[in-house]
Structures are given as C-alpha cells and as structure tokens.
Amino acid sequence: MKVIVALALLVCTVAVVRGDLVCGTNYCKQHPCTSPVARSSCRSPSEYRASHAGKCACCPACVTLLSEGAACKTYSKELGETPSAVCREPLKCLNAVCTRVPSRKSG
C-alpha cells in the first residue's frame, strides 16, 4: 500500500512540474481566448501581459503591479489560477506580502 501511495504522489508531482495537471501542453491552442484585452486598455499601475488571464494564462490581461508591503496572494498557473494583481519586479509574494528578497551572490 505504501508503494502505491508513493507512486501516486510521484506521478502527481511530475504532472504539476510539467504543467500537465490542468493546463497541459496544448491547452491554450485547444481553448483560444473569446474576449481578448487590447494593450491600449491597460492604465497605470497596470501593465499588459499577452499570456496571463483565463484558465492556464492563455489570454491577454491588464495586471495590477503591487508595491513593496502590499497584500498579495500566491497563485498556481498549473492549477489554472491567474491573478489580476502581482508584486512588481523584483518583489516576491511571501507570507501574503510583497517583499524584497535579497539576491543570492554566487562566489
């Protein structure tokens, strides 16, 4: 029984890593956007992203860019989730807050 559970976990992990759990490699080709967003419709503090909205991030969207200290949420593209707001680069969403993460120096 332990072997079956371990094998099932391994298969799920590989599927998530490859993005095949929900989206699959051809999902966007098989499910084209029905209401695309025009680049000109995005206003600051949003930016246009060609592949961001809809299930599996197949469609264009205006995405609000969040500043340091702003509340945020982590999403999973592999599970079909796409956020309407993301932390501005180079910030990362850590513990539900846009946080500056020190860069790792190699050496």
PDB file of N, CA and C in Angstrom:
ATOM      1  N   MET A   1       0.821  -1.192   0.000  1.00  0.00           N
ATOM      2  CA  MET A   1       0.000   0.000   0.000  1.00  0.00           C
ATOM      3  C   MET A   1       0.866   1.258   0.000  1.00  0.00           C
ATOM      4  N   LYS A   2       1.964   1.253   0.765  1.00  0.00           N
ATOM      5  CA  LYS A   2       2.853   2.408   0.808  1.00  0.00           C
ATOM      6  C   LYS A   2       3.459   2.685  -0.560  1.00  0.00           C
ATOM      7  N   VAL A   3       3.748   1.616  -1.303  1.00  0.00           N
ATOM      8  CA  VAL A   3       4.332   1.777  -2.631  1.00  0.00           C
ATOM      9  C   VAL A   3       3.333   2.460  -3.563  1.00  0.00           C
ATOM     10  N   ILE A   4       2.072   2.095  -3.480  1.00  0.00           N
ATOM     11  CA  ILE A   4       1.036   2.691  -4.336  1.00  0.00           C
ATOM     12  C   ILE A   4       0.871   4.176  -4.017  1.00  0.00           C
ATOM     13  N   VAL A   5       0.847   4.512  -2.749  1.00  0.00           N
ATOM     14  CA  VAL A   5       0.721   5.916  -2.336  1.00  0.00           C
ATOM     15  C   VAL A   5       1.946   6.708  -2.801  1.00  0.00           C
ATOM     16  N   ALA A   6       3.127   6.151  -2.627  1.00  0.00           N
ATOM     17  CA  ALA A   6       4.353   6.825  -3.051  1.00  0.00           C
ATOM     18  C   ALA A   6       4.359   7.027  -4.564  1.00  0.00           C
ATOM     19  N   LEU A   7       3.937   6.025  -5.304  1.00  0.00           N
ATOM     20  CA  LEU A   7       3.886   6.122  -6.761  1.00  0.00           C
ATOM     21  C   LEU A   7       2.871   7.178  -7.193  1.00  0.00           C
ATOM     22  N   ALA A   8       1.719   7.215  -6.548  1.00  0.00           N
ATOM     23  CA  ALA A   8       0.700   8.215  -6.870  1.00  0.00           C
ATOM     24  C   ALA A   8       1.219   9.626  -6.609  1.00  0.00           C
ATOM     25  N   LEU A   9       1.913   9.821  -5.511  1.00  0.00           N
ATOM     26  CA  LEU A   9       2.496  11.131  -5.200  1.00  0.00           C
ATOM     27  C   LEU A   9       3.545  11.529  -6.225  1.00  0.00           C
ATOM     28  N   LEU A  10       4.350  10.583  -6.645  1.00  0.00           N
ATOM     29  CA  LEU A  10       5.371  10.840  -7.650  1.00  0.00           C
ATOM     30  C   LEU A  10       4.737  11.267  -8.968  1.00  0.00           C
ATOM     31  N   VAL A  11       3.694  10.574  -9.400  1.00  0.00           N
ATOM     32  CA  VAL A  11       3.013  10.899 -10.652  1.00  0.00           C
ATOM     33  C   VAL A  11       2.398  12.303 -10.576  1.00  0.00           C
ATOM     34  N   CYS A  12       1.767  12.631  -9.451  1.00  0.00           N
ATOM     35  CA  CYS A  12       1.176  13.966  -9.272  1.00  0.00           C
ATOM     36  C   CYS A  12       2.248  15.046  -9.291  1.00  0.00           C
ATOM     37  N   THR A  13       3.364  14.798  -8.649  1.00  0.00           N
ATOM     38  CA  THR A  13       4.453  15.761  -8.617  1.00  0.00           C
ATOM     39  C   THR A  13       4.999  16.010 -10.014  1.00  0.00           C
ATOM     40  N   VAL A  14       5.213  14.963 -10.761  1.00  0.00           N
ATOM     41  CA  VAL A  14       5.721  15.100 -12.130  1.00  0.00           C
ATOM     42  C   VAL A  14       4.711  15.856 -12.988  1.00  0.00           C
ATOM     43  N   ALA A  15       3.423  15.579 -12.834  1.00  0.00           N
ATOM     44  CA  ALA A  15       2.390  16.263 -13.606  1.00  0.00           C
ATOM     45  C   ALA A  15       2.364  17.751 -13.294  1.00  0.00           C
ATOM     46  N   VAL A  16       2.491  18.119 -12.033  1.00  0.00           N
ATOM     47  CA  VAL A  16       2.498  19.527 -11.646  1.00  0.00           C
ATOM     48  C   VAL A  16       3.734  20.219 -12.188  1.00  0.00           C
ATOM     49  N   VAL A  17       4.875  19.590 -12.064  1.00  0.00           N
ATOM     50  CA  VAL A  17       6.127  20.171 -12.559  1.00  0.00           C
ATOM     51  C   VAL A  17       6.050  20.406 -14.061  1.00  0.00           C
ATOM     52  N   ARG A  18       5.495  19.499 -14.780  1.00  0.00           N
ATOM     53  CA  ARG A  18       5.389  19.634 -16.234  1.00  0.00           C
ATOM     54  C   ARG A  18       4.227  20.520 -16.651  1.00  0.00           C
ATOM     55  N   GLY A  19       3.325  20.872 -15.733  1.00  0.00           N
ATOM     56  CA  GLY A  19       2.197  21.727 -16.058  1.00  0.00           C
ATOM     57  C   GLY A  19       1.055  20.995 -16.718  1.00  0.00           C
ATOM     58  N   ASP A  20       1.053  19.681 -16.672  1.00  0.00           N
ATOM     59  CA  ASP A  20       0.034  18.888 -17.339  1.00  0.00           C
ATOM     60  C   ASP A  20      -1.169  18.567 -16.454  1.00  0.00           C
ATOM     61  N   LEU A  21      -1.139  18.945 -15.197  1.00  0.00           N
ATOM     62  CA  LEU A  21      -2.213  18.577 -14.291  1.00  0.00           C
ATOM     63  C   LEU A  21      -3.544  19.143 -14.760  1.00  0.00           C
ATOM     64  N   VAL A  22      -3.607  20.406 -15.087  1.00  0.00           N
ATOM     65  CA  VAL A  22      -4.826  21.031 -15.572  1.00  0.00           C
ATOM     66  C   VAL A  22      -4.618  21.585 -16.970  1.00  0.00           C
ATOM     67  N   CYS A  23      -3.536  22.303 -17.144  1.00  0.00           N
ATOM     68  CA  CYS A  23      -3.344  23.054 -18.381  1.00  0.00           C
ATOM     69  C   CYS A  23      -2.898  22.205 -19.562  1.00  0.00           C
ATOM     70  N   GLY A  24      -2.001  21.319 -19.357  1.00  0.00           N
ATOM     71  CA  GLY A  24      -1.496  20.521 -20.467  1.00  0.00           C
ATOM     72  C   GLY A  24      -0.673  21.374 -21.412  1.00  0.00           C
ATOM     73  N   THR A  25       0.060  20.741 -22.275  1.00  0.00           N
ATOM     74  CA  THR A  25       0.954  21.465 -23.164  1.00  0.00           C
ATOM     75  C   THR A  25       0.219  22.141 -24.325  1.00  0.00           C
ATOM     76  N   ASN A  26      -0.960  21.659 -24.694  1.00  0.00           N
ATOM     77  CA  ASN A  26      -1.709  22.231 -25.810  1.00  0.00           C
ATOM     78  C   ASN A  26      -2.995  22.918 -25.379  1.00  0.00           C
ATOM     79  N   TYR A  27      -3.159  23.164 -24.083  1.00  0.00           N
ATOM     80  CA  TYR A  27      -4.417  23.708 -23.581  1.00  0.00           C
ATOM     81  C   TYR A  27      -4.787  25.018 -24.277  1.00  0.00           C
ATOM     82  N   CYS A  28      -3.856  25.947 -24.375  1.00  0.00           N
ATOM     83  CA  CYS A  28      -4.162  27.255 -24.966  1.00  0.00           C
ATOM     84  C   CYS A  28      -4.528  27.148 -26.441  1.00  0.00           C
ATOM     85  N   LYS A  29      -3.890  26.259 -27.173  1.00  0.00           N
ATOM     86  CA  LYS A  29      -4.230  26.068 -28.588  1.00  0.00           C
ATOM     87  C   LYS A  29      -5.634  25.495 -28.728  1.00  0.00           C
ATOM     88  N   GLN A  30      -6.007  24.623 -27.812  1.00  0.00           N
ATOM     89  CA  GLN A  30      -7.316  23.976 -27.875  1.00  0.00           C
ATOM     90  C   GLN A  30      -8.429  24.851 -27.299  1.00  0.00           C
ATOM     91  N   HIS A  31      -8.087  25.871 -26.523  1.00  0.00           N
ATOM     92  CA  HIS A  31      -9.071  26.750 -25.888  1.00  0.00           C
ATOM     93  C   HIS A  31      -8.687  28.214 -26.126  1.00  0.00           C
ATOM     94  N   PRO A  32      -8.886  28.723 -27.348  1.00  0.00           N
ATOM     95  CA  PRO A  32      -8.488  30.104 -27.648  1.00  0.00           C
ATOM     96  C   PRO A  32      -9.314  31.125 -26.858  1.00  0.00           C
ATOM     97  N   CYS A  33      -8.764  32.310 -26.693  1.00  0.00           N
ATOM     98  CA  CYS A  33      -9.438  33.382 -25.950  1.00  0.00           C
ATOM     99  C   CYS A  33     -10.696  33.819 -26.687  1.00  0.00           C
ATOM    100  N   THR A  34     -11.755  34.058 -25.928  1.00  0.00           N
ATOM    101  CA  THR A  34     -13.003  34.508 -26.535  1.00  0.00           C
ATOM    102  C   THR A  34     -13.185  36.021 -26.423  1.00  0.00           C
ATOM    103  N   SER A  35     -12.513  36.649 -25.467  1.00  0.00           N
ATOM    104  CA  SER A  35     -12.623  38.110 -25.325  1.00  0.00           C
ATOM    105  C   SER A  35     -11.260  38.706 -24.984  1.00  0.00           C
ATOM    106  N   PRO A  36     -10.386  38.834 -25.989  1.00  0.00           N
ATOM    107  CA  PRO A  36      -9.048  39.356 -25.737  1.00  0.00           C
ATOM    108  C   PRO A  36      -9.078  40.824 -25.288  1.00  0.00           C
ATOM    109  N   VAL A  37      -8.094  41.208 -24.499  1.00  0.00           N
ATOM    110  CA  VAL A  37      -7.947  42.563 -23.988  1.00  0.00           C
ATOM    111  C   VAL A  37      -6.946  43.299 -24.875  1.00  0.00           C
ATOM    112  N   ALA A  38      -7.268  44.543 -25.220  1.00  0.00           N
ATOM    113  CA  ALA A  38      -6.359  45.351 -26.033  1.00  0.00           C
ATOM    114  C   ALA A  38      -5.270  45.949 -25.156  1.00  0.00           C
ATOM    115  N   ARG A  39      -4.068  46.004 -25.669  1.00  0.00           N
ATOM    116  CA  ARG A  39      -2.931  46.588 -24.951  1.00  0.00           C
ATOM    117  C   ARG A  39      -3.256  48.022 -24.518  1.00  0.00           C
ATOM    118  N   SER A  40      -3.951  48.766 -25.369  1.00  0.00           N
ATOM    119  CA  SER A  40      -4.260  50.173 -25.092  1.00  0.00           C
ATOM    120  C   SER A  40      -5.249  50.358 -23.936  1.00  0.00           C
ATOM    121  N   SER A  41      -5.906  49.300 -23.515  1.00  0.00           N
ATOM    122  CA  SER A  41      -6.883  49.423 -22.426  1.00  0.00           C
ATOM    123  C   SER A  41      -6.240  49.380 -21.032  1.00  0.00           C
ATOM    124  N   CYS A  42      -4.966  49.075 -20.948  1.00  0.00           N
ATOM    125  CA  CYS A  42      -4.281  48.994 -19.653  1.00  0.00           C
ATOM    126  C   CYS A  42      -3.819  50.380 -19.206  1.00  0.00           C
ATOM    127  N   ARG A  43      -4.141  50.729 -17.980  1.00  0.00           N
ATOM    128  CA  ARG A  43      -3.768  52.022 -17.404  1.00  0.00           C
ATOM    129  C   ARG A  43      -2.917  51.793 -16.163  1.00  0.00           C
ATOM    130  N   SER A  44      -1.984  52.699 -15.901  1.00  0.00           N
ATOM    131  CA  SER A  44      -1.101  52.604 -14.737  1.00  0.00           C
ATOM    132  C   SER A  44      -1.934  52.558 -13.460  1.00  0.00           C
ATOM    133  N   PRO A  45      -1.615  51.736 -12.496  1.00  0.00           N
ATOM    134  CA  PRO A  45      -0.392  50.959 -12.301  1.00  0.00           C
ATOM    135  C   PRO A  45      -0.466  49.543 -12.879  1.00  0.00           C
ATOM    136  N   SER A  46      -1.256  49.361 -13.918  1.00  0.00           N
ATOM    137  CA  SER A  46      -1.352  48.041 -14.553  1.00  0.00           C
ATOM    138  C   SER A  46      -0.431  47.964 -15.752  1.00  0.00           C
ATOM    139  N   GLU A  47      -0.121  46.740 -16.149  1.00  0.00           N
ATOM    140  CA  GLU A  47       0.651  46.538 -17.363  1.00  0.00           C
ATOM    141  C   GLU A  47      -0.006  45.437 -18.178  1.00  0.00           C
ATOM    142  N   TYR A  48       0.193  45.491 -19.484  1.00  0.00           N
ATOM    143  CA  TYR A  48      -0.354  44.499 -20.401  1.00  0.00           C
ATOM    144  C   TYR A  48       0.522  43.256 -20.380  1.00  0.00           C
ATOM    145  N   ARG A  49      -0.107  42.103 -20.263  1.00  0.00           N
ATOM    146  CA  ARG A  49       0.604  40.822 -20.370  1.00  0.00           C
ATOM    147  C   ARG A  49      -0.148  39.963 -21.373  1.00  0.00           C
ATOM    148  N   ALA A  50       0.555  39.538 -22.413  1.00  0.00           N
ATOM    149  CA  ALA A  50      -0.067  38.797 -23.511  1.00  0.00           C
ATOM    150  C   ALA A  50      -0.602  37.436 -23.081  1.00  0.00           C
ATOM    151  N   SER A  51       0.058  36.803 -22.156  1.00  0.00           N
ATOM    152  CA  SER A  51      -0.363  35.466 -21.703  1.00  0.00           C
ATOM    153  C   SER A  51      -0.493  35.479 -20.186  1.00  0.00           C
ATOM    154  N   HIS A  52      -1.663  35.875 -19.702  1.00  0.00           N
ATOM    155  CA  HIS A  52      -1.803  35.980 -18.263  1.00  0.00           C
ATOM    156  C   HIS A  52      -3.192  35.596 -17.742  1.00  0.00           C
ATOM    157  N   ALA A  53      -4.246  35.927 -18.446  1.00  0.00           N
ATOM    158  CA  ALA A  53      -5.598  35.746 -17.919  1.00  0.00           C
ATOM    159  C   ALA A  53      -6.246  34.448 -18.400  1.00  0.00           C
ATOM    160  N   GLY A  54      -7.389  34.167 -17.823  1.00  0.00           N
ATOM    161  CA  GLY A  54      -8.145  32.980 -18.195  1.00  0.00           C
ATOM    162  C   GLY A  54      -7.502  31.734 -17.631  1.00  0.00           C
ATOM    163  N   LYS A  55      -8.177  30.655 -17.799  1.00  0.00           N
ATOM    164  CA  LYS A  55      -7.645  29.395 -17.294  1.00  0.00           C
ATOM    165  C   LYS A  55      -6.311  29.121 -17.974  1.00  0.00           C
ATOM    166  N   CYS A  56      -5.325  28.834 -17.180  1.00  0.00           N
ATOM    167  CA  CYS A  56      -3.984  28.474 -17.634  1.00  0.00           C
ATOM    168  C   CYS A  56      -3.215  29.619 -18.285  1.00  0.00           C
ATOM    169  N   ALA A  57      -3.643  30.857 -18.025  1.00  0.00           N
ATOM    170  CA  ALA A  57      -2.941  32.051 -18.508  1.00  0.00           C
ATOM    171  C   ALA A  57      -2.777  32.054 -20.024  1.00  0.00           C
ATOM    172  N   CYS A  58      -3.833  31.735 -20.734  1.00  0.00           N
ATOM    173  CA  CYS A  58      -3.785  31.699 -22.195  1.00  0.00           C
ATOM    174  C   CYS A  58      -4.093  33.044 -22.833  1.00  0.00           C
ATOM    175  N   CYS A  59      -4.733  33.938 -22.106  1.00  0.00           N
ATOM    176  CA  CYS A  59      -5.253  35.164 -22.691  1.00  0.00           C
ATOM    177  C   CYS A  59      -4.533  36.412 -22.185  1.00  0.00           C
ATOM    178  N   PRO A  60      -4.611  37.501 -22.959  1.00  0.00           N
ATOM    179  CA  PRO A  60      -4.008  38.754 -22.521  1.00  0.00           C
ATOM    180  C   PRO A  60      -4.807  39.375 -21.382  1.00  0.00           C
ATOM    181  N   ALA A  61      -4.134  40.221 -20.583  1.00  0.00           N
ATOM    182  CA  ALA A  61      -4.796  40.873 -19.454  1.00  0.00           C
ATOM    183  C   ALA A  61      -4.030  42.111 -19.025  1.00  0.00           C
ATOM    184  N   CYS A  62      -4.752  42.997 -18.350  1.00  0.00           N
ATOM    185  CA  CYS A  62      -4.136  44.128 -17.657  1.00  0.00           C
ATOM    186  C   CYS A  62      -3.911  43.652 -16.229  1.00  0.00           C
ATOM    187  N   VAL A  63      -2.672  43.687 -15.784  1.00  0.00           N
ATOM    188  CA  VAL A  63      -2.328  43.167 -14.463  1.00  0.00           C
ATOM    189  C   VAL A  63      -1.834  44.312 -13.585  1.00  0.00           C
ATOM    190  N   THR A  64      -2.446  44.459 -12.409  1.00  0.00           N
ATOM    191  CA  THR A  64      -2.038  45.500 -11.477  1.00  0.00           C
ATOM    192  C   THR A  64      -0.725  45.104 -10.822  1.00  0.00           C
ATOM    193  N   LEU A  65       0.216  46.041 -10.796  1.00  0.00           N
ATOM    194  CA  LEU A  65       1.515  45.784 -10.183  1.00  0.00           C
ATOM    195  C   LEU A  65       1.509  46.329  -8.761  1.00  0.00           C
ATOM    196  N   LEU A  66       1.801  45.470  -7.805  1.00  0.00           N
ATOM    197  CA  LEU A  66       1.767  45.812  -6.387  1.00  0.00           C
ATOM    198  C   LEU A  66       3.132  46.257  -5.888  1.00  0.00           C
ATOM    199  N   SER A  67       3.140  47.231  -4.997  1.00  0.00           N
ATOM    200  CA  SER A  67       4.381  47.756  -4.423  1.00  0.00           C
ATOM    201  C   SER A  67       4.796  46.970  -3.199  1.00  0.00           C
ATOM    202  N   GLU A  68       6.013  47.217  -2.744  1.00  0.00           N
ATOM    203  CA  GLU A  68       6.542  46.561  -1.544  1.00  0.00           C
ATOM    204  C   GLU A  68       5.622  46.826  -0.361  1.00  0.00           C
ATOM    205  N   GLY A  69       5.307  45.785   0.391  1.00  0.00           N
ATOM    206  CA  GLY A  69       4.448  45.878   1.556  1.00  0.00           C
ATOM    207  C   GLY A  69       2.971  45.666   1.258  1.00  0.00           C
ATOM    208  N   ALA A  70       2.599  45.610  -0.010  1.00  0.00           N
ATOM    209  CA  ALA A  70       1.194  45.407  -0.383  1.00  0.00           C
ATOM    210  C   ALA A  70       0.773  43.963  -0.130  1.00  0.00           C
ATOM    211  N   ALA A  71      -0.494  43.778   0.176  1.00  0.00           N
ATOM    212  CA  ALA A  71      -1.033  42.428   0.364  1.00  0.00           C
ATOM    213  C   ALA A  71      -1.079  41.733  -0.998  1.00  0.00           C
ATOM    214  N   CYS A  72      -0.716  40.459  -1.018  1.00  0.00           N
ATOM    215  CA  CYS A  72      -0.700  39.698  -2.265  1.00  0.00           C
ATOM    216  C   CYS A  72      -1.143  38.270  -1.996  1.00  0.00           C
ATOM    217  N   LYS A  73      -1.310  37.530  -3.055  1.00  0.00           N
ATOM    218  CA  LYS A  73      -1.692  36.126  -2.958  1.00  0.00           C
ATOM    219  C   LYS A  73      -0.848  35.337  -3.948  1.00  0.00           C
ATOM    220  N   THR A  74      -0.451  34.143  -3.569  1.00  0.00           N
ATOM    221  CA  THR A  74       0.308  33.269  -4.455  1.00  0.00           C
ATOM    222  C   THR A  74      -0.676  32.416  -5.250  1.00  0.00           C
ATOM    223  N   TYR A  75      -0.443  32.312  -6.551  1.00  0.00           N
ATOM    224  CA  TYR A  75      -1.317  31.555  -7.439  1.00  0.00           C
ATOM    225  C   TYR A  75      -0.535  30.438  -8.113  1.00  0.00           C
ATOM    226  N   SER A  76      -1.255  29.488  -8.670  1.00  0.00           N
ATOM    227  CA  SER A  76      -0.629  28.376  -9.371  1.00  0.00           C
ATOM    228  C   SER A  76      -1.173  28.299 -10.790  1.00  0.00           C
ATOM    229  N   LYS A  77      -0.346  28.681 -11.752  1.00  0.00           N
ATOM    230  CA  LYS A  77      -0.745  28.585 -13.160  1.00  0.00           C
ATOM    231  C   LYS A  77      -1.065  27.135 -13.523  1.00  0.00           C
ATOM    232  N   GLU A  78      -0.314  26.213 -12.943  1.00  0.00           N
ATOM    233  CA  GLU A  78      -0.512  24.800 -13.249  1.00  0.00           C
ATOM    234  C   GLU A  78      -1.901  24.316 -12.845  1.00  0.00           C
ATOM    235  N   LEU A  79      -2.504  24.969 -11.863  1.00  0.00           N
ATOM    236  CA  LEU A  79      -3.846  24.588 -11.427  1.00  0.00           C
ATOM    237  C   LEU A  79      -4.913  25.471 -12.063  1.00  0.00           C
ATOM    238  N   GLY A  80      -4.502  26.301 -13.011  1.00  0.00           N
ATOM    239  CA  GLY A  80      -5.457  27.124 -13.731  1.00  0.00           C
ATOM    240  C   GLY A  80      -5.773  28.447 -13.064  1.00  0.00           C
ATOM    241  N   GLU A  81      -4.964  28.897 -12.103  1.00  0.00           N
ATOM    242  CA  GLU A  81      -5.214  30.152 -11.406  1.00  0.00           C
ATOM    243  C   GLU A  81      -4.380  31.269 -12.030  1.00  0.00           C
ATOM    244  N   THR A  82      -4.987  32.424 -12.262  1.00  0.00           N
ATOM    245  CA  THR A  82      -4.254  33.574 -12.780  1.00  0.00           C
ATOM    246  C   THR A  82      -4.664  34.815 -11.991  1.00  0.00           C
ATOM    247  N   PRO A  83      -3.705  35.526 -11.420  1.00  0.00           N
ATOM    248  CA  PRO A  83      -4.013  36.689 -10.584  1.00  0.00           C
ATOM    249  C   PRO A  83      -4.263  37.957 -11.399  1.00  0.00           C
ATOM    250  N   SER A  84      -5.079  38.856 -10.858  1.00  0.00           N
ATOM    251  CA  SER A  84      -5.300  40.152 -11.502  1.00  0.00           C
ATOM    252  C   SER A  84      -4.294  41.179 -10.990  1.00  0.00           C
ATOM    253  N   ALA A  85      -3.565  40.823  -9.929  1.00  0.00           N
ATOM    254  CA  ALA A  85      -2.540  41.700  -9.362  1.00  0.00           C
ATOM    255  C   ALA A  85      -1.346  40.853  -8.948  1.00  0.00           C
ATOM    256  N   VAL A  86      -0.146  41.363  -9.228  1.00  0.00           N
ATOM    257  CA  VAL A  86       1.090  40.653  -8.872  1.00  0.00           C
ATOM    258  C   VAL A  86       2.084  41.653  -8.292  1.00  0.00           C
ATOM    259  N   CYS A  87       3.046  41.154  -7.563  1.00  0.00           N
ATOM    260  CA  CYS A  87       4.093  42.003  -6.999  1.00  0.00           C
ATOM    261  C   CYS A  87       4.981  42.525  -8.123  1.00  0.00           C
ATOM    262  N   ARG A  88       5.293  43.796  -8.058  1.00  0.00           N
ATOM    263  CA  ARG A  88       6.183  44.439  -9.018  1.00  0.00           C
ATOM    264  C   ARG A  88       7.566  43.795  -8.909  1.00  0.00           C
ATOM    265  N   GLU A  89       8.235  43.570 -10.038  1.00  0.00           N
ATOM    266  CA  GLU A  89       9.592  43.008 -10.028  1.00  0.00           C
ATOM    267  C   GLU A  89      10.523  43.936  -9.269  1.00  0.00           C
ATOM    268  N   PRO A  90      11.451  43.515  -8.503  1.00  0.00           N
ATOM    269  CA  PRO A  90      11.882  42.152  -8.208  1.00  0.00           C
ATOM    270  C   PRO A  90      11.223  41.579  -6.959  1.00  0.00           C
ATOM    271  N   LEU A  91      10.095  42.159  -6.513  1.00  0.00           N
ATOM    272  CA  LEU A  91       9.430  41.703  -5.293  1.00  0.00           C
ATOM    273  C   LEU A  91       8.829  40.318  -5.482  1.00  0.00           C
ATOM    274  N   LYS A  92       8.691  39.597  -4.375  1.00  0.00           N
ATOM    275  CA  LYS A  92       8.077  38.262  -4.357  1.00  0.00           C
ATOM    276  C   LYS A  92       6.963  38.264  -3.322  1.00  0.00           C
ATOM    277  N   CYS A  93       5.933  37.478  -3.557  1.00  0.00           N
ATOM    278  CA  CYS A  93       4.832  37.363  -2.600  1.00  0.00           C
ATOM    279  C   CYS A  93       5.226  36.327  -1.548  1.00  0.00           C
ATOM    280  N   LEU A  94       5.596  36.815  -0.356  1.00  0.00           N
ATOM    281  CA  LEU A  94       5.993  35.947   0.748  1.00  0.00           C
ATOM    282  C   LEU A  94       5.098  36.237   1.951  1.00  0.00           C
ATOM    283  N   ASN A  95       4.489  35.204   2.502  1.00  0.00           N
ATOM    284  CA  ASN A  95       3.585  35.362   3.648  1.00  0.00           C
ATOM    285  C   ASN A  95       2.506  36.405   3.364  1.00  0.00           C
ATOM    286  N   ALA A  96       1.964  36.403   2.146  1.00  0.00           N
ATOM    287  CA  ALA A  96       0.873  37.273   1.707  1.00  0.00           C
ATOM    288  C   ALA A  96       1.245  38.752   1.665  1.00  0.00           C
ATOM    289  N   VAL A  97       2.548  39.077   1.548  1.00  0.00           N
ATOM    290  CA  VAL A  97       3.013  40.462   1.458  1.00  0.00           C
ATOM    291  C   VAL A  97       4.087  40.551   0.374  1.00  0.00           C
ATOM    292  N   CYS A  98       4.010  41.573  -0.476  1.00  0.00           N
ATOM    293  CA  CYS A  98       5.056  41.795  -1.480  1.00  0.00           C
ATOM    294  C   CYS A  98       6.339  42.196  -0.754  1.00  0.00           C
ATOM    295  N   THR A  99       7.366  41.369  -0.919  1.00  0.00           N
ATOM    296  CA  THR A  99       8.604  41.511  -0.131  1.00  0.00           C
ATOM    297  C   THR A  99       9.811  41.525  -1.048  1.00  0.00           C
ATOM    298  N   ARG A 100      10.764  42.383  -0.698  1.00  0.00           N
ATOM    299  CA  ARG A 100      12.038  42.418  -1.415  1.00  0.00           C
ATOM    300  C   ARG A 100      12.890  41.262  -0.903  1.00  0.00           C
ATOM    301  N   VAL A 101      13.324  40.419  -1.793  1.00  0.00           N
ATOM    302  CA  VAL A 101      14.134  39.264  -1.433  1.00  0.00           C
ATOM    303  C   VAL A 101      15.574  39.553  -1.846  1.00  0.00           C
ATOM    304  N   PRO A 102      16.496  39.490  -0.881  1.00  0.00           N
ATOM    305  CA  PRO A 102      17.901  39.749  -1.232  1.00  0.00           C
ATOM    306  C   PRO A 102      18.379  38.757  -2.288  1.00  0.00           C
ATOM    307  N   SER A 103      19.130  39.276  -3.254  1.00  0.00           N
ATOM    308  CA  SER A 103      19.659  38.379  -4.281  1.00  0.00           C
ATOM    309  C   SER A 103      20.794  37.550  -3.689  1.00  0.00           C
ATOM    310  N   ARG A 104      20.891  36.339  -4.168  1.00  0.00           N
ATOM    311  CA  ARG A 104      21.956  35.440  -3.711  1.00  0.00           C
ATOM    312  C   ARG A 104      23.183  35.691  -4.550  1.00  0.00           C
ATOM    313  N   LYS A 105      24.266  35.957  -3.884  1.00  0.00           N
ATOM    314  CA  LYS A 105      25.528  36.174  -4.591  1.00  0.00           C
ATOM    315  C   LYS A 105      26.281  34.852  -4.667  1.00  0.00           C
ATOM    316  N   SER A 106      26.693  34.509  -5.876  1.00  0.00           N
ATOM    317  CA  SER A 106      27.478  33.286  -6.017  1.00  0.00           C
ATOM    318  C   SER A 106      28.958  33.644  -5.914  1.00  0.00           C
ATOM    319  N   GLY A 107      29.684  32.757  -5.364  1.00  0.00           N
ATOM    320  CA  GLY A 107      31.085  33.102  -5.284  1.00  0.00           C
ATOM    321  C   GLY A 107      31.805  32.193  -4.471  1.00  0.00           C
TER     322      GLY A 107
END
